Amino acid sequence: MRKSLIGVTLLVLLCTLSGCQVFSTSEVGDYILQKEEDRILVAENISREDADQPFGDLREKKVNLIHYIVEDSELLEQLEVGDKVKITPKVNEEGFYHVRQSDPPQIIAGRIEIEE
């Protein structure tokens, strides 16, 4: 009786832990944290839950933060804080993009896709 209770408990614990891990990894991505004038602040490779944390907490965790300058004003209006996005920087003729050395760095966004 005791062995079966321990076995069931371990099985439930294993299922719970693996279920939580699958959920959080499926939600990992790049999230918009702030939106202002012509740019958005994006945190890279974080979970949906982490996207709700204060800016200072993310900096302490060394999360990669980037300001993307959005040249398309119509697209900027569609973007919302909390959106999961995939952003491709705008490149020049040589295929390179410019990073403005600020904190967080600034990059001109080329293509922005809102992910589900």
N, C-alpha and C. Protein backbone atom coordinates (compact mmCIF):
# COMPACT_ATOMS: atom_id res chain seq x y z
N MET A 1 0.82 -1.19 0.00
CA MET A 1 0.00 0.00 0.00
C MET A 1 0.87 1.26 0.00
N ARG A 2 1.89 1.27 0.86
CA ARG A 2 2.76 2.43 0.97
C ARG A 2 3.56 2.65 -0.31
N LYS A 3 4.05 1.57 -0.93
CA LYS A 3 4.82 1.68 -2.16
C LYS A 3 3.95 2.24 -3.29
N SER A 4 2.70 1.81 -3.36
CA SER A 4 1.84 2.31 -4.43
C SER A 4 1.50 3.78 -4.21
N LEU A 5 1.36 4.21 -2.96
CA LEU A 5 1.09 5.62 -2.67
C LEU A 5 2.28 6.48 -3.07
N ILE A 6 3.48 6.01 -2.76
CA ILE A 6 4.69 6.73 -3.15
C ILE A 6 4.81 6.77 -4.68
N GLY A 7 4.51 5.68 -5.32
CA GLY A 7 4.57 5.61 -6.78
C GLY A 7 3.59 6.58 -7.44
N VAL A 8 2.36 6.62 -6.93
CA VAL A 8 1.36 7.54 -7.47
C VAL A 8 1.79 8.99 -7.24
N THR A 9 2.31 9.26 -6.05
CA THR A 9 2.77 10.62 -5.74
C THR A 9 3.89 11.04 -6.67
N LEU A 10 4.86 10.16 -6.89
CA LEU A 10 5.95 10.46 -7.81
C LEU A 10 5.46 10.66 -9.24
N LEU A 11 4.51 9.84 -9.66
CA LEU A 11 3.95 9.97 -11.01
C LEU A 11 3.25 11.31 -11.18
N VAL A 12 2.45 11.69 -10.20
CA VAL A 12 1.75 12.98 -10.26
C VAL A 12 2.76 14.13 -10.28
N LEU A 13 3.78 14.05 -9.44
CA LEU A 13 4.80 15.07 -9.39
C LEU A 13 5.54 15.18 -10.72
N LEU A 14 5.90 14.05 -11.31
CA LEU A 14 6.59 14.03 -12.58
C LEU A 14 5.73 14.64 -13.69
N CYS A 15 4.46 14.27 -13.74
CA CYS A 15 3.55 14.82 -14.75
C CYS A 15 3.38 16.32 -14.58
N THR A 16 3.27 16.76 -13.35
CA THR A 16 3.10 18.19 -13.07
C THR A 16 4.32 18.97 -13.50
N LEU A 17 5.49 18.50 -13.12
CA LEU A 17 6.72 19.21 -13.48
C LEU A 17 6.96 19.23 -14.98
N SER A 18 6.74 18.12 -15.64
CA SER A 18 6.97 18.09 -17.09
C SER A 18 5.92 18.92 -17.81
N GLY A 19 4.71 18.97 -17.30
CA GLY A 19 3.67 19.80 -17.90
C GLY A 19 4.00 21.27 -17.78
N CYS A 20 4.53 21.70 -16.65
CA CYS A 20 4.90 23.10 -16.46
C CYS A 20 6.05 23.47 -17.39
N GLN A 21 6.99 22.58 -17.54
CA GLN A 21 8.13 22.86 -18.39
C GLN A 21 7.71 22.99 -19.85
N VAL A 22 6.85 22.14 -20.32
CA VAL A 22 6.38 22.21 -21.70
C VAL A 22 5.63 23.52 -21.92
N PHE A 23 4.80 23.93 -20.96
CA PHE A 23 4.03 25.16 -21.10
C PHE A 23 4.95 26.37 -21.20
N SER A 24 5.91 26.46 -20.28
CA SER A 24 6.75 27.65 -20.27
C SER A 24 7.68 27.71 -21.47
N THR A 25 8.20 26.58 -21.94
CA THR A 25 9.09 26.64 -23.09
C THR A 25 8.33 26.96 -24.37
N SER A 26 7.06 26.58 -24.45
CA SER A 26 6.32 26.88 -25.66
C SER A 26 5.98 28.37 -25.75
N GLU A 27 6.06 29.08 -24.63
CA GLU A 27 5.74 30.50 -24.60
C GLU A 27 6.97 31.39 -24.66
N VAL A 28 8.15 30.83 -24.76
CA VAL A 28 9.37 31.63 -24.80
C VAL A 28 9.47 32.34 -26.14
N GLY A 29 9.84 33.60 -26.07
CA GLY A 29 9.99 34.39 -27.30
C GLY A 29 10.44 35.80 -26.97
N ASP A 30 10.23 36.71 -27.93
CA ASP A 30 10.58 38.11 -27.77
C ASP A 30 9.29 38.89 -27.52
N TYR A 31 9.24 39.65 -26.44
CA TYR A 31 8.02 40.35 -26.04
C TYR A 31 8.23 41.86 -25.95
N ILE A 32 7.22 42.61 -26.36
CA ILE A 32 7.24 44.06 -26.25
C ILE A 32 6.95 44.44 -24.81
N LEU A 33 7.88 45.21 -24.21
CA LEU A 33 7.73 45.65 -22.83
C LEU A 33 7.21 47.08 -22.74
N GLN A 34 7.63 47.91 -23.68
CA GLN A 34 7.23 49.33 -23.69
C GLN A 34 7.04 49.78 -25.12
N LYS A 35 6.21 50.81 -25.27
CA LYS A 35 5.96 51.40 -26.58
C LYS A 35 5.93 52.91 -26.39
N GLU A 36 6.74 53.62 -27.17
CA GLU A 36 6.79 55.07 -27.04
C GLU A 36 7.14 55.69 -28.39
N GLU A 37 6.59 56.83 -28.67
CA GLU A 37 6.79 57.59 -29.90
C GLU A 37 7.04 56.70 -31.12
N ASP A 38 8.31 56.52 -31.49
CA ASP A 38 8.62 55.77 -32.72
C ASP A 38 9.37 54.47 -32.44
N ARG A 39 9.31 53.97 -31.23
CA ARG A 39 10.09 52.77 -30.92
C ARG A 39 9.39 51.89 -29.89
N ILE A 40 9.87 50.64 -29.85
CA ILE A 40 9.37 49.66 -28.89
C ILE A 40 10.57 49.06 -28.16
N LEU A 41 10.38 48.73 -26.91
CA LEU A 41 11.40 48.04 -26.13
C LEU A 41 11.04 46.57 -26.10
N VAL A 42 11.96 45.72 -26.56
CA VAL A 42 11.71 44.29 -26.66
C VAL A 42 12.70 43.53 -25.79
N ALA A 43 12.17 42.57 -25.03
CA ALA A 43 13.00 41.64 -24.25
C ALA A 43 13.08 40.36 -25.05
N GLU A 44 14.29 39.87 -25.26
CA GLU A 44 14.49 38.69 -26.09
C GLU A 44 14.54 37.41 -25.27
N ASN A 45 13.93 36.37 -25.85
CA ASN A 45 14.04 35.01 -25.34
C ASN A 45 13.62 34.88 -23.88
N ILE A 46 12.42 35.37 -23.58
CA ILE A 46 11.88 35.24 -22.23
C ILE A 46 10.53 34.54 -22.30
N SER A 47 10.04 34.11 -21.17
CA SER A 47 8.71 33.49 -21.11
C SER A 47 7.64 34.57 -21.04
N ARG A 48 6.43 34.19 -21.31
CA ARG A 48 5.31 35.13 -21.23
C ARG A 48 5.18 35.68 -19.81
N GLU A 49 5.42 34.84 -18.82
CA GLU A 49 5.33 35.27 -17.43
C GLU A 49 6.41 36.31 -17.10
N ASP A 50 7.63 36.10 -17.63
CA ASP A 50 8.71 37.05 -17.38
C ASP A 50 8.43 38.41 -18.01
N ALA A 51 7.66 38.44 -19.08
CA ALA A 51 7.34 39.69 -19.77
C ALA A 51 6.54 40.63 -18.88
N ASP A 52 5.91 40.11 -17.84
CA ASP A 52 5.13 40.93 -16.92
C ASP A 52 5.95 41.46 -15.76
N GLN A 53 7.23 41.09 -15.69
CA GLN A 53 8.08 41.54 -14.58
C GLN A 53 8.52 42.98 -14.80
N PRO A 54 8.83 43.69 -13.72
CA PRO A 54 9.34 45.06 -13.85
C PRO A 54 10.65 45.10 -14.64
N PHE A 55 10.85 46.19 -15.34
CA PHE A 55 12.02 46.42 -16.18
C PHE A 55 13.32 46.17 -15.41
N GLY A 56 13.41 46.69 -14.18
CA GLY A 56 14.61 46.53 -13.36
C GLY A 56 14.93 45.08 -13.05
N ASP A 57 13.89 44.26 -12.81
CA ASP A 57 14.11 42.84 -12.53
C ASP A 57 14.70 42.13 -13.75
N LEU A 58 14.22 42.49 -14.93
CA LEU A 58 14.74 41.86 -16.16
C LEU A 58 16.20 42.25 -16.39
N ARG A 59 16.54 43.49 -16.09
CA ARG A 59 17.93 43.93 -16.24
C ARG A 59 18.84 43.18 -15.27
N GLU A 60 18.36 42.96 -14.04
CA GLU A 60 19.15 42.22 -13.05
C GLU A 60 19.39 40.79 -13.51
N LYS A 61 18.41 40.21 -14.21
CA LYS A 61 18.54 38.84 -14.71
C LYS A 61 19.34 38.77 -16.00
N LYS A 62 19.85 39.92 -16.44
CA LYS A 62 20.68 40.01 -17.66
C LYS A 62 19.91 39.60 -18.92
N VAL A 63 18.60 39.93 -18.95
CA VAL A 63 17.78 39.69 -20.13
C VAL A 63 18.22 40.67 -21.20
N ASN A 64 18.36 40.20 -22.44
CA ASN A 64 18.76 41.05 -23.55
C ASN A 64 17.59 41.95 -23.94
N LEU A 65 17.78 43.27 -23.78
CA LEU A 65 16.76 44.26 -24.10
C LEU A 65 17.22 45.11 -25.28
N ILE A 66 16.32 45.38 -26.21
CA ILE A 66 16.65 46.18 -27.39
C ILE A 66 15.51 47.14 -27.69
N HIS A 67 15.87 48.40 -27.98
CA HIS A 67 14.90 49.35 -28.51
C HIS A 67 14.91 49.21 -30.03
N TYR A 68 13.76 48.89 -30.60
CA TYR A 68 13.62 48.85 -32.05
C TYR A 68 12.90 50.11 -32.50
N ILE A 69 13.49 50.82 -33.43
CA ILE A 69 12.87 52.00 -34.01
C ILE A 69 11.96 51.52 -35.13
N VAL A 70 10.68 51.89 -35.07
CA VAL A 70 9.68 51.43 -36.04
C VAL A 70 9.36 52.59 -36.97
N GLU A 71 9.76 52.47 -38.22
CA GLU A 71 9.56 53.55 -39.19
C GLU A 71 8.15 53.57 -39.76
N ASP A 72 7.44 52.46 -39.71
CA ASP A 72 6.08 52.36 -40.24
C ASP A 72 5.09 52.74 -39.13
N SER A 73 4.51 53.94 -39.23
CA SER A 73 3.62 54.43 -38.16
C SER A 73 2.34 53.61 -38.05
N GLU A 74 1.84 53.07 -39.16
CA GLU A 74 0.64 52.22 -39.11
C GLU A 74 0.93 50.93 -38.35
N LEU A 75 2.08 50.34 -38.61
CA LEU A 75 2.47 49.11 -37.91
C LEU A 75 2.67 49.41 -36.42
N LEU A 76 3.30 50.53 -36.13
CA LEU A 76 3.53 50.90 -34.73
C LEU A 76 2.21 51.00 -33.97
N GLU A 77 1.17 51.52 -34.61
CA GLU A 77 -0.14 51.62 -33.96
C GLU A 77 -0.72 50.25 -33.65
N GLN A 78 -0.43 49.25 -34.47
CA GLN A 78 -0.96 47.90 -34.28
C GLN A 78 -0.27 47.16 -33.15
N LEU A 79 0.97 47.51 -32.87
CA LEU A 79 1.74 46.82 -31.84
C LEU A 79 1.28 47.21 -30.45
N GLU A 80 1.23 46.24 -29.55
CA GLU A 80 0.80 46.47 -28.18
C GLU A 80 1.83 45.91 -27.21
N VAL A 81 1.93 46.53 -26.05
CA VAL A 81 2.77 46.01 -24.98
C VAL A 81 2.25 44.61 -24.63
N GLY A 82 3.17 43.65 -24.53
CA GLY A 82 2.80 42.26 -24.25
C GLY A 82 2.75 41.38 -25.48
N ASP A 83 2.79 41.99 -26.68
CA ASP A 83 2.79 41.19 -27.90
C ASP A 83 4.08 40.39 -28.02
N LYS A 84 3.94 39.15 -28.46
CA LYS A 84 5.10 38.32 -28.78
C LYS A 84 5.43 38.62 -30.24
N VAL A 85 6.67 38.99 -30.51
CA VAL A 85 7.03 39.44 -31.85
C VAL A 85 8.29 38.74 -32.36
N LYS A 86 8.42 38.76 -33.67
CA LYS A 86 9.65 38.32 -34.32
C LYS A 86 10.10 39.50 -35.17
N ILE A 87 11.29 40.01 -34.88
CA ILE A 87 11.76 41.23 -35.55
C ILE A 87 13.05 40.94 -36.31
N THR A 88 13.06 41.41 -37.56
CA THR A 88 14.25 41.35 -38.40
C THR A 88 14.76 42.77 -38.57
N PRO A 89 16.01 43.04 -38.21
CA PRO A 89 16.53 44.40 -38.35
C PRO A 89 16.58 44.84 -39.82
N LYS A 90 16.49 46.15 -40.03
CA LYS A 90 16.63 46.73 -41.37
C LYS A 90 18.12 46.71 -41.72
N VAL A 91 18.44 46.20 -42.91
CA VAL A 91 19.84 46.08 -43.32
C VAL A 91 20.15 47.05 -44.45
N ASN A 92 21.43 47.38 -44.59
CA ASN A 92 21.87 48.25 -45.68
C ASN A 92 22.21 47.41 -46.92
N GLU A 93 22.76 48.05 -47.93
CA GLU A 93 23.07 47.37 -49.19
C GLU A 93 24.04 46.19 -49.02
N GLU A 94 24.91 46.28 -48.03
CA GLU A 94 25.88 45.21 -47.77
C GLU A 94 25.30 44.09 -46.91
N GLY A 95 24.08 44.24 -46.46
CA GLY A 95 23.45 43.21 -45.63
C GLY A 95 23.71 43.35 -44.14
N PHE A 96 24.21 44.51 -43.72
CA PHE A 96 24.49 44.75 -42.30
C PHE A 96 23.45 45.69 -41.72
N TYR A 97 23.26 45.61 -40.41
CA TYR A 97 22.39 46.56 -39.75
C TYR A 97 23.19 47.34 -38.71
N HIS A 98 22.73 48.56 -38.44
CA HIS A 98 23.42 49.47 -37.53
C HIS A 98 22.84 49.36 -36.13
N VAL A 99 23.71 49.22 -35.15
CA VAL A 99 23.30 49.18 -33.75
C VAL A 99 23.81 50.46 -33.09
N ARG A 100 22.88 51.27 -32.59
CA ARG A 100 23.27 52.47 -31.86
C ARG A 100 23.66 52.06 -30.45
N GLN A 101 24.86 52.43 -30.07
CA GLN A 101 25.40 52.02 -28.78
C GLN A 101 24.81 52.86 -27.66
N SER A 102 23.65 52.46 -27.21
CA SER A 102 23.01 53.08 -26.06
C SER A 102 22.64 51.96 -25.11
N ASP A 103 21.98 52.27 -24.03
CA ASP A 103 21.60 51.23 -23.08
C ASP A 103 20.11 51.35 -22.78
N PRO A 104 19.29 50.47 -23.30
CA PRO A 104 19.55 49.36 -24.22
C PRO A 104 19.91 49.85 -25.63
N PRO A 105 20.57 49.00 -26.41
CA PRO A 105 20.94 49.39 -27.77
C PRO A 105 19.69 49.65 -28.62
N GLN A 106 19.88 50.41 -29.70
CA GLN A 106 18.79 50.75 -30.60
C GLN A 106 19.10 50.22 -32.00
N ILE A 107 18.09 49.61 -32.62
CA ILE A 107 18.21 49.06 -33.97
C ILE A 107 16.96 49.46 -34.74
N ILE A 108 17.13 49.81 -36.00
CA ILE A 108 15.97 50.10 -36.83
C ILE A 108 15.35 48.77 -37.26
N ALA A 109 14.06 48.62 -37.00
CA ALA A 109 13.34 47.39 -37.35
C ALA A 109 13.05 47.38 -38.84
N GLY A 110 13.30 46.23 -39.46
CA GLY A 110 12.97 46.05 -40.86
C GLY A 110 11.59 45.42 -40.99
N ARG A 111 11.47 44.21 -40.49
CA ARG A 111 10.21 43.48 -40.55
C ARG A 111 9.82 43.07 -39.14
N ILE A 112 8.53 43.26 -38.83
CA ILE A 112 8.01 42.88 -37.51
C ILE A 112 6.80 41.99 -37.73
N GLU A 113 6.84 40.81 -37.13
CA GLU A 113 5.71 39.89 -37.18
C GLU A 113 5.19 39.69 -35.77
N ILE A 114 3.87 39.80 -35.61
CA ILE A 114 3.24 39.52 -34.32
C ILE A 114 2.93 38.04 -34.30
N GLU A 115 3.45 37.33 -33.29
CA GLU A 115 3.25 35.89 -33.19
C GLU A 115 2.10 35.59 -32.25
N GLU A 116 1.49 34.45 -32.46
CA GLU A 116 0.36 34.03 -31.60
C GLU A 116 0.87 33.32 -30.39
